[in-house]
Amino acid sequence: MKVLLRNPKRELEIEGPMSVVALLKRLDLNREAVLVIRGDTLVPGDAMLDDSDTVEIRPVISGGGG
């Protein structure tokens, strides 16, 4: 699968299928700190990703209220 990462911006090819949780563990990313997006859809942690998928991993951005 194609994995697009931000911060720093890079693109990886990872063999699937695997769950979102397994992918994040393999990339040493904290599940609480990132969003996994396939197409225009947020993907839950227990979802399976196929070899043909393209996913984007974005950091969660929290803004302060004022």
Protein backbone atom coordinates (compact mmCIF):
# COMPACT_ATOMS: atom_id res chain seq x y z
CA MET A 1 0.00 0.00 0.00
CA LYS A 2 1.08 3.57 -0.50
CA VAL A 3 1.43 5.53 2.72
CA LEU A 4 1.67 9.32 2.55
CA LEU A 5 3.11 10.90 5.68
CA ARG A 6 3.25 14.55 6.74
CA ASN A 7 5.84 16.01 9.09
CA PRO A 8 8.25 15.33 7.44
CA LYS A 9 6.51 14.78 4.13
CA ARG A 10 7.39 11.41 2.63
CA GLU A 11 5.87 8.47 0.80
CA LEU A 12 6.35 4.81 1.72
CA GLU A 13 5.34 1.51 0.14
CA ILE A 14 4.28 -1.05 2.74
CA GLU A 15 3.10 -4.57 2.01
CA GLY A 16 -0.49 -5.24 3.07
CA PRO A 17 -2.96 -6.29 4.12
CA MET A 18 -2.66 -5.05 7.69
CA SER A 19 -4.77 -3.23 10.23
CA VAL A 20 -4.44 0.48 10.87
CA VAL A 21 -3.13 -0.29 14.38
CA ALA A 22 -0.45 -2.61 12.96
CA LEU A 23 0.58 -0.01 10.38
CA LEU A 24 0.96 2.71 13.01
CA LYS A 25 2.90 0.34 15.27
CA ARG A 26 5.22 -0.55 12.39
CA LEU A 27 5.81 3.15 11.70
CA ASP A 28 6.26 3.83 15.44
CA LEU A 29 3.42 6.36 15.46
CA ASN A 30 1.11 7.08 18.37
CA ARG A 31 -2.49 6.20 17.47
CA GLU A 32 -3.76 9.17 19.49
CA ALA A 33 -1.52 11.64 17.66
CA VAL A 34 -2.45 10.88 14.04
CA LEU A 35 -5.40 10.52 11.69
CA VAL A 36 -5.42 7.81 9.02
CA ILE A 37 -7.34 8.79 5.89
CA ARG A 38 -8.23 6.60 2.89
CA GLY A 39 -9.69 8.68 0.07
CA ASP A 40 -11.83 11.23 1.91
CA THR A 41 -12.69 8.90 4.78
CA LEU A 42 -11.21 8.71 8.26
CA VAL A 43 -10.23 5.08 8.89
CA PRO A 44 -10.81 3.52 12.35
CA GLY A 45 -8.00 1.66 14.10
CA ASP A 46 -9.53 -1.79 13.63
CA ALA A 47 -10.00 -1.37 9.85
CA MET A 48 -7.98 -3.53 7.48
CA LEU A 49 -5.90 -1.84 4.79
CA ASP A 50 -5.30 -3.67 1.51
CA ASP A 51 -2.14 -3.76 -0.57
CA SER A 52 -3.88 -1.62 -3.22
CA ASP A 53 -4.89 1.16 -0.77
CA THR A 54 -3.40 4.62 -0.57
CA VAL A 55 -3.63 6.15 2.89
CA GLU A 56 -2.55 9.47 4.28
CA ILE A 57 -1.34 9.83 7.85
CA ARG A 58 -1.77 13.32 9.26
CA PRO A 59 -0.91 14.65 12.70
CA VAL A 60 -3.89 15.57 14.86
CA ILE A 61 -4.00 19.32 15.20
CA SER A 62 -5.73 20.69 18.24
CA GLY A 63 -6.43 24.36 18.50
CA GLY A 64 -6.99 26.33 21.62
CA GLY A 65 -10.34 27.89 22.33
CA GLY A 66 -10.42 31.54 23.09
